[in-house]
Amino acid sequence: MKKQFKHIVLVGKYQDKQLRDQVVCLADFLRTKHMHVTLETNTALCAEITDYPIVELSEITSQVDLVIVLGGDGTMLGVARTLLEQQIPLLGVNRGRIGFLTDISAEDMLEVVGSVLKGAYLLEQRLMLQANVTRQSASIFTGLALNDVVISKGEAARLIDLEVTINGQFVHRQRSDGLIIATPTGTTAYALSAGGPILHPTLEAITLVPICPHTLSNRPITIHSTSEVCVALVDKEKSHIHLDGQSNVELQQGDHIAIKRAEKTLPLLHPTGHCHFDMLRKKLNWG
């Protein structure tokens, strides 16, 4: 049975100076559909909207039925990491550049959202990654990623040495600019630029994509999503770990990074008729 939506939170792209009109338009539309509408605090402040109740993103509870994100993939990534535990479905209206995650166009927003409220939607469960950094046997950082976990050389001009194991089995020691561990969702992001494969978002898989490896035979590999990837920083060069390109921690020689599938998946809504391959053709300008 399709979920009935009654309490909806709107989250917008803060840097978008033209956000206000669209947020107000959608909020007013939802009100006519007898929805309880709340605005995320920074969205309301940046858009100077005072007609609706507000809530901090970190304080949104599972009592909310749906979160609609008006922005690009970057906005969606931040919301996804924050709200994973609450398991609230997310729906994206694209106000970014490409929009692999926010697939509703601004022009069709009211029509499509109206259809979604009537139950005309598809639900996908997107797997996410959890990364844990250990230094001298003590955990110093834990975080989530919807797209990817990236270990990179940062600003250094030299390659870094990484030792990779999967499920306790040694894979290789690589000299490169870094390594991308991506979910299927993330294979159309940084991993794609680095020459990685495009995985269908519903696959139970993780892909490892080296960034500019010194050994050209070091190719991307795809493994089952239940696998645990461990990466050790071997040399003394400073490097960083980035989660979805939005949070990062500086690494030191001897640090170990354990990456595995997060316990929960992200519920992501699409309009009825959504096709991943249609989206790829449009976004990537395929023939």
C-alpha atoms as a PDB file:
ATOM      1  CA  MET A   1       0.000   0.000   0.000  1.00  0.00           C
ATOM      2  CA  LYS A   2       1.349   3.425  -0.958  1.00  0.00           C
ATOM      3  CA  LYS A   3       2.219   5.784   1.873  1.00  0.00           C
ATOM      4  CA  GLN A   4      -0.166   8.674   2.496  1.00  0.00           C
ATOM      5  CA  PHE A   5       1.605  12.029   2.831  1.00  0.00           C
ATOM      6  CA  LYS A   6       0.259  14.558   5.312  1.00  0.00           C
ATOM      7  CA  HIS A   7       3.266  16.340   6.858  1.00  0.00           C
ATOM      8  CA  ILE A   8       5.818  17.612   4.334  1.00  0.00           C
ATOM      9  CA  VAL A   9       9.062  19.520   4.924  1.00  0.00           C
ATOM     10  CA  LEU A  10      10.611  21.676   2.191  1.00  0.00           C
ATOM     11  CA  VAL A  11      14.390  22.066   1.997  1.00  0.00           C
ATOM     12  CA  GLY A  12      15.957  24.461  -0.512  1.00  0.00           C
ATOM     13  CA  LYS A  13      19.355  25.281  -1.941  1.00  0.00           C
ATOM     14  CA  TYR A  14      20.517  28.149   0.245  1.00  0.00           C
ATOM     15  CA  GLN A  15      22.732  29.809  -2.388  1.00  0.00           C
ATOM     16  CA  ASP A  16      19.889  30.048  -4.908  1.00  0.00           C
ATOM     17  CA  LYS A  17      18.786  33.696  -4.943  1.00  0.00           C
ATOM     18  CA  GLN A  18      15.653  32.817  -6.927  1.00  0.00           C
ATOM     19  CA  LEU A  19      14.590  30.121  -4.491  1.00  0.00           C
ATOM     20  CA  ARG A  20      11.879  32.118  -2.737  1.00  0.00           C
ATOM     21  CA  ASP A  21       9.263  32.166  -5.480  1.00  0.00           C
ATOM     22  CA  GLN A  22       9.502  28.439  -6.074  1.00  0.00           C
ATOM     23  CA  VAL A  23       9.359  27.520  -2.385  1.00  0.00           C
ATOM     24  CA  VAL A  24       6.359  29.777  -1.805  1.00  0.00           C
ATOM     25  CA  CYS A  25       4.650  28.407  -4.916  1.00  0.00           C
ATOM     26  CA  LEU A  26       5.121  24.808  -3.785  1.00  0.00           C
ATOM     27  CA  ALA A  27       4.227  25.494  -0.150  1.00  0.00           C
ATOM     28  CA  ASP A  28       1.018  27.288  -1.139  1.00  0.00           C
ATOM     29  CA  PHE A  29       0.156  24.456  -3.540  1.00  0.00           C
ATOM     30  CA  LEU A  30       0.655  21.839  -0.814  1.00  0.00           C
ATOM     31  CA  ARG A  31      -1.511  23.845   1.541  1.00  0.00           C
ATOM     32  CA  THR A  32      -4.364  23.738  -0.983  1.00  0.00           C
ATOM     33  CA  LYS A  33      -3.979  19.937  -0.884  1.00  0.00           C
ATOM     34  CA  HIS A  34      -4.511  20.065   2.893  1.00  0.00           C
ATOM     35  CA  MET A  35      -0.909  19.162   3.690  1.00  0.00           C
ATOM     36  CA  HIS A  36       0.845  20.280   6.853  1.00  0.00           C
ATOM     37  CA  VAL A  37       3.837  22.184   5.440  1.00  0.00           C
ATOM     38  CA  THR A  38       7.036  23.052   7.339  1.00  0.00           C
ATOM     39  CA  LEU A  39      10.128  24.806   6.004  1.00  0.00           C
ATOM     40  CA  GLU A  40      13.671  23.880   6.960  1.00  0.00           C
ATOM     41  CA  THR A  41      15.073  26.756   9.007  1.00  0.00           C
ATOM     42  CA  ASN A  42      17.866  27.962   6.693  1.00  0.00           C
ATOM     43  CA  THR A  43      15.593  27.647   3.679  1.00  0.00           C
ATOM     44  CA  ALA A  44      13.043  29.945   5.303  1.00  0.00           C
ATOM     45  CA  LEU A  45      15.697  32.430   6.441  1.00  0.00           C
ATOM     46  CA  CYS A  46      17.492  32.638   3.095  1.00  0.00           C
ATOM     47  CA  ALA A  47      14.225  32.964   1.191  1.00  0.00           C
ATOM     48  CA  GLU A  48      12.792  35.366   3.799  1.00  0.00           C
ATOM     49  CA  ILE A  49       9.599  33.354   4.233  1.00  0.00           C
ATOM     50  CA  THR A  50       7.728  33.815   7.506  1.00  0.00           C
ATOM     51  CA  ASP A  51       4.292  32.354   6.704  1.00  0.00           C
ATOM     52  CA  TYR A  52       5.131  28.756   7.581  1.00  0.00           C
ATOM     53  CA  PRO A  53       6.505  26.948  10.649  1.00  0.00           C
ATOM     54  CA  ILE A  54      10.200  26.068  10.536  1.00  0.00           C
ATOM     55  CA  VAL A  55      12.378  23.194  11.737  1.00  0.00           C
ATOM     56  CA  GLU A  56      16.121  22.565  11.879  1.00  0.00           C
ATOM     57  CA  LEU A  57      17.240  19.878   9.434  1.00  0.00           C
ATOM     58  CA  SER A  58      18.841  17.876  12.243  1.00  0.00           C
ATOM     59  CA  GLU A  59      15.595  18.007  14.245  1.00  0.00           C
ATOM     60  CA  ILE A  60      13.287  16.572  11.591  1.00  0.00           C
ATOM     61  CA  THR A  61      11.703  13.442  13.027  1.00  0.00           C
ATOM     62  CA  SER A  62      10.117  10.342  11.562  1.00  0.00           C
ATOM     63  CA  GLN A  63       6.729  11.980  12.164  1.00  0.00           C
ATOM     64  CA  VAL A  64       7.366  13.793   8.858  1.00  0.00           C
ATOM     65  CA  ASP A  65       5.984  11.842   5.880  1.00  0.00           C
ATOM     66  CA  LEU A  66       8.003  13.398   3.048  1.00  0.00           C
ATOM     67  CA  VAL A  67      10.883  15.803   2.500  1.00  0.00           C
ATOM     68  CA  ILE A  68      10.954  17.660  -0.820  1.00  0.00           C
ATOM     69  CA  VAL A  69      14.378  19.000  -1.748  1.00  0.00           C
ATOM     70  CA  LEU A  70      14.550  21.981  -4.108  1.00  0.00           C
ATOM     71  CA  GLY A  71      18.129  22.187  -5.302  1.00  0.00           C
ATOM     72  CA  GLY A  72      20.818  20.122  -6.947  1.00  0.00           C
ATOM     73  CA  ASP A  73      22.435  16.819  -6.097  1.00  0.00           C
ATOM     74  CA  GLY A  74      24.670  18.540  -3.538  1.00  0.00           C
ATOM     75  CA  THR A  75      21.656  19.684  -1.543  1.00  0.00           C
ATOM     76  CA  MET A  76      20.146  16.208  -1.741  1.00  0.00           C
ATOM     77  CA  LEU A  77      23.387  14.567  -0.565  1.00  0.00           C
ATOM     78  CA  GLY A  78      23.517  16.686   2.576  1.00  0.00           C
ATOM     79  CA  VAL A  79      19.869  16.027   3.399  1.00  0.00           C
ATOM     80  CA  ALA A  80      20.271  12.291   2.766  1.00  0.00           C
ATOM     81  CA  ARG A  81      23.168  11.922   5.206  1.00  0.00           C
ATOM     82  CA  THR A  82      21.400  13.920   7.900  1.00  0.00           C
ATOM     83  CA  LEU A  83      18.053  12.132   7.658  1.00  0.00           C
ATOM     84  CA  LEU A  84      19.108   8.544   6.945  1.00  0.00           C
ATOM     85  CA  GLU A  85      18.273   7.382  10.458  1.00  0.00           C
ATOM     86  CA  GLN A  86      14.743   8.812  10.254  1.00  0.00           C
ATOM     87  CA  GLN A  87      13.975   6.864   7.024  1.00  0.00           C
ATOM     88  CA  ILE A  88      11.886   9.690   5.554  1.00  0.00           C
ATOM     89  CA  PRO A  89      11.320   9.460   1.782  1.00  0.00           C
ATOM     90  CA  LEU A  90      13.023  12.203  -0.238  1.00  0.00           C
ATOM     91  CA  LEU A  91      11.737  13.769  -3.457  1.00  0.00           C
ATOM     92  CA  GLY A  92      13.931  16.099  -5.504  1.00  0.00           C
ATOM     93  CA  VAL A  93      13.097  19.159  -7.627  1.00  0.00           C
ATOM     94  CA  ASN A  94      16.120  20.057  -9.733  1.00  0.00           C
ATOM     95  CA  ARG A  95      17.555  23.562  -9.345  1.00  0.00           C
ATOM     96  CA  GLY A  96      21.157  22.475  -9.933  1.00  0.00           C
ATOM     97  CA  ARG A  97      23.163  21.796 -13.064  1.00  0.00           C
ATOM     98  CA  ILE A  98      22.702  18.108 -13.840  1.00  0.00           C
ATOM     99  CA  GLY A  99      20.498  16.578 -11.183  1.00  0.00           C
ATOM    100  CA  PHE A 100      20.880  12.808 -11.111  1.00  0.00           C
ATOM    101  CA  LEU A 101      19.070  12.688  -7.759  1.00  0.00           C
ATOM    102  CA  THR A 102      16.698  15.640  -8.175  1.00  0.00           C
ATOM    103  CA  ASP A 103      14.857  14.536 -11.293  1.00  0.00           C
ATOM    104  CA  ILE A 104      11.714  16.711 -11.286  1.00  0.00           C
ATOM    105  CA  SER A 105      12.053  19.813 -13.461  1.00  0.00           C
ATOM    106  CA  ALA A 106      11.007  23.178 -12.046  1.00  0.00           C
ATOM    107  CA  GLU A 107       8.524  23.598 -14.908  1.00  0.00           C
ATOM    108  CA  ASP A 108       6.707  20.337 -14.061  1.00  0.00           C
ATOM    109  CA  MET A 109       6.988  20.681 -10.280  1.00  0.00           C
ATOM    110  CA  LEU A 110       3.341  21.252  -9.323  1.00  0.00           C
ATOM    111  CA  GLU A 111       1.946  18.689 -11.734  1.00  0.00           C
ATOM    112  CA  VAL A 112       4.399  15.977 -10.698  1.00  0.00           C
ATOM    113  CA  VAL A 113       4.183  16.677  -6.957  1.00  0.00           C
ATOM    114  CA  GLY A 114       0.389  16.592  -7.249  1.00  0.00           C
ATOM    115  CA  SER A 115       0.607  13.160  -8.868  1.00  0.00           C
ATOM    116  CA  VAL A 116       3.018  11.930  -6.182  1.00  0.00           C
ATOM    117  CA  LEU A 117       0.573  12.987  -3.480  1.00  0.00           C
ATOM    118  CA  LYS A 118      -2.012  10.764  -5.191  1.00  0.00           C
ATOM    119  CA  GLY A 119       0.333   7.779  -5.045  1.00  0.00           C
ATOM    120  CA  ALA A 120       1.844   8.017  -8.545  1.00  0.00           C
ATOM    121  CA  TYR A 121       5.473   7.418  -7.607  1.00  0.00           C
ATOM    122  CA  LEU A 122       8.222   4.827  -7.586  1.00  0.00           C
ATOM    123  CA  LEU A 123      10.212   4.085  -4.439  1.00  0.00           C
ATOM    124  CA  GLU A 124      13.898   3.176  -4.652  1.00  0.00           C
ATOM    125  CA  GLN A 125      16.071   2.142  -1.742  1.00  0.00           C
ATOM    126  CA  ARG A 126      19.568   3.543  -2.301  1.00  0.00           C
ATOM    127  CA  LEU A 127      22.414   1.973  -0.370  1.00  0.00           C
ATOM    128  CA  MET A 128      24.795   4.245   1.505  1.00  0.00           C
ATOM    129  CA  LEU A 129      28.321   3.808   2.829  1.00  0.00           C
ATOM    130  CA  GLN A 130      29.722   4.194   6.307  1.00  0.00           C
ATOM    131  CA  ALA A 131      33.378   5.110   6.715  1.00  0.00           C
ATOM    132  CA  ASN A 132      35.401   4.823   9.901  1.00  0.00           C
ATOM    133  CA  VAL A 133      38.931   6.188  10.329  1.00  0.00           C
ATOM    134  CA  THR A 134      41.174   4.504  12.907  1.00  0.00           C
ATOM    135  CA  ARG A 135      44.434   6.002  14.166  1.00  0.00           C
ATOM    136  CA  GLN A 136      46.621   4.007  16.543  1.00  0.00           C
ATOM    137  CA  SER A 137      43.701   1.641  17.247  1.00  0.00           C
ATOM    138  CA  ALA A 138      41.340   4.486  18.165  1.00  0.00           C
ATOM    139  CA  SER A 139      38.418   5.617  16.034  1.00  0.00           C
ATOM    140  CA  ILE A 140      38.785   9.318  15.167  1.00  0.00           C
ATOM    141  CA  PHE A 141      36.006   9.780  12.620  1.00  0.00           C
ATOM    142  CA  THR A 142      32.827   8.092  11.398  1.00  0.00           C
ATOM    143  CA  GLY A 143      30.554   9.343   8.643  1.00  0.00           C
ATOM    144  CA  LEU A 144      28.026   8.446   5.949  1.00  0.00           C
ATOM    145  CA  ALA A 145      28.070   8.874   2.182  1.00  0.00           C
ATOM    146  CA  LEU A 146      25.371   8.469  -0.460  1.00  0.00           C
ATOM    147  CA  ASN A 147      27.700   9.003  -3.434  1.00  0.00           C
ATOM    148  CA  ASP A 148      31.220   8.101  -2.445  1.00  0.00           C
ATOM    149  CA  VAL A 149      34.074   7.923  -0.003  1.00  0.00           C
ATOM    150  CA  VAL A 150      37.188   9.453  -1.571  1.00  0.00           C
ATOM    151  CA  ILE A 151      40.729   9.122  -0.260  1.00  0.00           C
ATOM    152  CA  SER A 152      42.857  11.696  -2.048  1.00  0.00           C
ATOM    153  CA  LYS A 153      46.254  13.341  -1.948  1.00  0.00           C
ATOM    154  CA  GLY A 154      44.665  16.723  -1.354  1.00  0.00           C
ATOM    155  CA  GLU A 155      46.950  19.609  -2.265  1.00  0.00           C
ATOM    156  CA  ALA A 156      50.105  17.494  -2.403  1.00  0.00           C
ATOM    157  CA  ALA A 157      51.853  17.303  -5.783  1.00  0.00           C
ATOM    158  CA  ARG A 158      53.090  13.757  -5.140  1.00  0.00           C
ATOM    159  CA  LEU A 159      51.333  10.416  -5.362  1.00  0.00           C
ATOM    160  CA  ILE A 160      50.242   8.614  -2.223  1.00  0.00           C
ATOM    161  CA  ASP A 161      50.631   4.918  -1.370  1.00  0.00           C
ATOM    162  CA  LEU A 162      47.497   3.048  -0.380  1.00  0.00           C
ATOM    163  CA  GLU A 163      47.147  -0.578   0.674  1.00  0.00           C
ATOM    164  CA  VAL A 164      43.739  -2.064  -0.077  1.00  0.00           C
ATOM    165  CA  THR A 165      42.109  -5.156   1.416  1.00  0.00           C
ATOM    166  CA  ILE A 166      38.591  -6.495   0.837  1.00  0.00           C
ATOM    167  CA  ASN A 167      36.999  -8.740   3.462  1.00  0.00           C
ATOM    168  CA  GLY A 168      40.433  -9.207   5.004  1.00  0.00           C
ATOM    169  CA  GLN A 169      42.041 -10.335   1.745  1.00  0.00           C
ATOM    170  CA  PHE A 170      44.922  -8.295   0.352  1.00  0.00           C
ATOM    171  CA  VAL A 171      44.071  -6.752  -3.041  1.00  0.00           C
ATOM    172  CA  HIS A 172      46.962  -4.474  -3.945  1.00  0.00           C
ATOM    173  CA  ARG A 173      49.193  -1.599  -2.955  1.00  0.00           C
ATOM    174  CA  GLN A 174      48.690   1.301  -5.319  1.00  0.00           C
ATOM    175  CA  ARG A 175      50.456   4.576  -5.974  1.00  0.00           C
ATOM    176  CA  SER A 176      47.959   7.097  -7.232  1.00  0.00           C
ATOM    177  CA  ASP A 177      46.243  10.413  -6.615  1.00  0.00           C
ATOM    178  CA  GLY A 178      43.717   8.512  -4.531  1.00  0.00           C
ATOM    179  CA  LEU A 179      40.871   6.030  -4.498  1.00  0.00           C
ATOM    180  CA  ILE A 180      37.102   6.404  -4.896  1.00  0.00           C
ATOM    181  CA  ILE A 181      34.796   3.918  -3.191  1.00  0.00           C
ATOM    182  CA  ALA A 182      31.388   4.595  -4.739  1.00  0.00           C
ATOM    183  CA  THR A 183      27.832   3.376  -4.350  1.00  0.00           C
ATOM    184  CA  PRO A 184      25.779   2.722  -7.493  1.00  0.00           C
ATOM    185  CA  THR A 185      24.294   6.188  -6.948  1.00  0.00           C
ATOM    186  CA  GLY A 186      27.800   7.658  -6.901  1.00  0.00           C
ATOM    187  CA  THR A 187      28.935   6.027 -10.130  1.00  0.00           C
ATOM    188  CA  THR A 188      27.570   9.003 -12.086  1.00  0.00           C
ATOM    189  CA  ALA A 189      29.566  11.442  -9.943  1.00  0.00           C
ATOM    190  CA  TYR A 190      33.343  11.658  -9.339  1.00  0.00           C
ATOM    191  CA  ALA A 191      33.817   7.963 -10.122  1.00  0.00           C
ATOM    192  CA  LEU A 192      32.505   8.544 -13.645  1.00  0.00           C
ATOM    193  CA  SER A 193      35.059  11.306 -14.221  1.00  0.00           C
ATOM    194  CA  ALA A 194      37.822   8.941 -13.066  1.00  0.00           C
ATOM    195  CA  GLY A 195      36.846   6.287 -15.620  1.00  0.00           C
ATOM    196  CA  GLY A 196      34.654   4.104 -13.446  1.00  0.00           C
ATOM    197  CA  PRO A 197      31.631   2.102 -14.633  1.00  0.00           C
ATOM    198  CA  ILE A 198      28.029   3.281 -14.412  1.00  0.00           C
ATOM    199  CA  LEU A 199      26.059   0.936 -12.160  1.00  0.00           C
ATOM    200  CA  HIS A 200      22.283   0.810 -12.051  1.00  0.00           C
ATOM    201  CA  PRO A 201      21.241   2.412  -8.746  1.00  0.00           C
ATOM    202  CA  THR A 202      19.364  -0.689  -7.575  1.00  0.00           C
ATOM    203  CA  LEU A 203      22.405  -2.982  -7.793  1.00  0.00           C
ATOM    204  CA  GLU A 204      23.791  -4.477  -4.589  1.00  0.00           C
ATOM    205  CA  ALA A 205      27.327  -3.404  -5.411  1.00  0.00           C
ATOM    206  CA  ILE A 206      30.204  -1.063  -4.592  1.00  0.00           C
ATOM    207  CA  THR A 207      32.867   0.035  -7.036  1.00  0.00           C
ATOM    208  CA  LEU A 208      36.514   0.951  -6.334  1.00  0.00           C
ATOM    209  CA  VAL A 209      37.953   3.437  -8.816  1.00  0.00           C
ATOM    210  CA  PRO A 210      41.628   4.525  -8.620  1.00  0.00           C
ATOM    211  CA  ILE A 211      42.380   8.177  -9.344  1.00  0.00           C
ATOM    212  CA  CYS A 212      45.238   8.544 -11.836  1.00  0.00           C
ATOM    213  CA  PRO A 213      47.034   5.306 -10.825  1.00  0.00           C
ATOM    214  CA  HIS A 214      50.759   5.130 -11.610  1.00  0.00           C
ATOM    215  CA  THR A 215      50.288   1.564 -12.855  1.00  0.00           C
ATOM    216  CA  LEU A 216      47.957   1.808 -15.834  1.00  0.00           C
ATOM    217  CA  SER A 217      46.788  -1.791 -15.366  1.00  0.00           C
ATOM    218  CA  ASN A 218      45.211  -0.784 -12.051  1.00  0.00           C
ATOM    219  CA  ARG A 219      41.573  -0.736 -13.150  1.00  0.00           C
ATOM    220  CA  PRO A 220      38.218  -0.135 -11.409  1.00  0.00           C
ATOM    221  CA  ILE A 221      36.688  -3.180  -9.763  1.00  0.00           C
ATOM    222  CA  THR A 222      33.132  -3.862  -8.597  1.00  0.00           C
ATOM    223  CA  ILE A 223      32.328  -5.928  -5.518  1.00  0.00           C
ATOM    224  CA  HIS A 224      29.228  -7.003  -3.606  1.00  0.00           C
ATOM    225  CA  SER A 225      27.693  -4.400  -1.320  1.00  0.00           C
ATOM    226  CA  THR A 226      28.170  -6.631   1.728  1.00  0.00           C
ATOM    227  CA  SER A 227      31.955  -6.435   1.340  1.00  0.00           C
ATOM    228  CA  GLU A 228      34.124  -4.415   3.707  1.00  0.00           C
ATOM    229  CA  VAL A 229      36.903  -2.374   2.143  1.00  0.00           C
ATOM    230  CA  CYS A 230      39.903  -1.384   4.250  1.00  0.00           C
ATOM    231  CA  VAL A 231      42.436   1.161   3.049  1.00  0.00           C
ATOM    232  CA  ALA A 232      45.696   1.929   4.853  1.00  0.00           C
ATOM    233  CA  LEU A 233      47.728   5.073   4.201  1.00  0.00           C
ATOM    234  CA  VAL A 234      51.243   3.713   3.801  1.00  0.00           C
ATOM    235  CA  ASP A 235      53.468   6.733   3.175  1.00  0.00           C
ATOM    236  CA  LYS A 236      54.087   9.973   5.041  1.00  0.00           C
ATOM    237  CA  GLU A 237      52.362  12.275   2.561  1.00  0.00           C
ATOM    238  CA  LYS A 238      49.304  13.979   3.966  1.00  0.00           C
ATOM    239  CA  SER A 239      45.999  13.015   2.415  1.00  0.00           C
ATOM    240  CA  HIS A 240      42.300  13.426   3.091  1.00  0.00           C
ATOM    241  CA  ILE A 241      39.118  11.409   3.234  1.00  0.00           C
ATOM    242  CA  HIS A 242      36.053  13.079   1.720  1.00  0.00           C
ATOM    243  CA  LEU A 243      32.433  11.989   2.102  1.00  0.00           C
ATOM    244  CA  ASP A 244      30.250  13.071  -0.820  1.00  0.00           C
ATOM    245  CA  GLY A 245      32.727  15.906  -1.359  1.00  0.00           C
ATOM    246  CA  GLN A 246      31.103  17.779   1.539  1.00  0.00           C
ATOM    247  CA  SER A 247      32.951  16.683   4.679  1.00  0.00           C
ATOM    248  CA  ASN A 248      36.583  15.729   5.040  1.00  0.00           C
ATOM    249  CA  VAL A 249      39.232  14.724   7.546  1.00  0.00           C
ATOM    250  CA  GLU A 250      43.017  14.931   7.169  1.00  0.00           C
ATOM    251  CA  LEU A 251      44.763  11.569   7.267  1.00  0.00           C
ATOM    252  CA  GLN A 252      48.186  10.611   8.592  1.00  0.00           C
ATOM    253  CA  GLN A 253      50.578   7.787   7.823  1.00  0.00           C
ATOM    254  CA  GLY A 254      49.341   4.552   9.348  1.00  0.00           C
ATOM    255  CA  ASP A 255      45.671   5.560   9.401  1.00  0.00           C
ATOM    256  CA  HIS A 256      43.192   2.845   8.448  1.00  0.00           C
ATOM    257  CA  ILE A 257      39.878   3.574   6.735  1.00  0.00           C
ATOM    258  CA  ALA A 258      37.154   0.919   6.891  1.00  0.00           C
ATOM    259  CA  ILE A 259      34.297   1.367   4.424  1.00  0.00           C
ATOM    260  CA  LYS A 260      31.181  -0.779   4.468  1.00  0.00           C
ATOM    261  CA  ARG A 261      27.539  -0.581   3.611  1.00  0.00           C
ATOM    262  CA  ALA A 262      25.461   1.467   6.047  1.00  0.00           C
ATOM    263  CA  GLU A 263      22.839  -0.459   7.985  1.00  0.00           C
ATOM    264  CA  LYS A 264      19.960   1.551   6.499  1.00  0.00           C
ATOM    265  CA  THR A 265      19.117   2.488   2.924  1.00  0.00           C
ATOM    266  CA  LEU A 266      17.852   5.841   1.682  1.00  0.00           C
ATOM    267  CA  PRO A 267      14.194   5.898   0.497  1.00  0.00           C
ATOM    268  CA  LEU A 268      14.163   7.996  -2.688  1.00  0.00           C
ATOM    269  CA  LEU A 269      10.999   8.770  -4.643  1.00  0.00           C
ATOM    270  CA  HIS A 270      10.670   9.192  -8.413  1.00  0.00           C
ATOM    271  CA  PRO A 271       7.627  10.132 -10.483  1.00  0.00           C
ATOM    272  CA  THR A 272       5.790   7.235 -12.119  1.00  0.00           C
ATOM    273  CA  GLY A 273       7.388   6.496 -15.465  1.00  0.00           C
ATOM    274  CA  HIS A 274      10.892   7.379 -14.314  1.00  0.00           C
ATOM    275  CA  CYS A 275      13.513   5.422 -16.272  1.00  0.00           C
ATOM    276  CA  HIS A 276      17.164   5.441 -15.260  1.00  0.00           C
ATOM    277  CA  PHE A 277      18.335   5.020 -18.848  1.00  0.00           C
ATOM    278  CA  ASP A 278      16.183   7.911 -20.084  1.00  0.00           C
ATOM    279  CA  MET A 279      17.770  10.015 -17.370  1.00  0.00           C
ATOM    280  CA  LEU A 280      21.290   8.971 -18.389  1.00  0.00           C
ATOM    281  CA  ARG A 281      20.618   9.796 -22.036  1.00  0.00           C
ATOM    282  CA  LYS A 282      19.362  13.253 -21.101  1.00  0.00           C
ATOM    283  CA  LYS A 283      21.918  14.138 -18.444  1.00  0.00           C
ATOM    284  CA  LEU A 284      24.975  12.727 -20.266  1.00  0.00           C
ATOM    285  CA  ASN A 285      23.891  13.835 -23.751  1.00  0.00           C
ATOM    286  CA  TRP A 286      23.896  10.340 -25.197  1.00  0.00           C
ATOM    287  CA  GLY A 287      22.577   9.878 -28.727  1.00  0.00           C
END
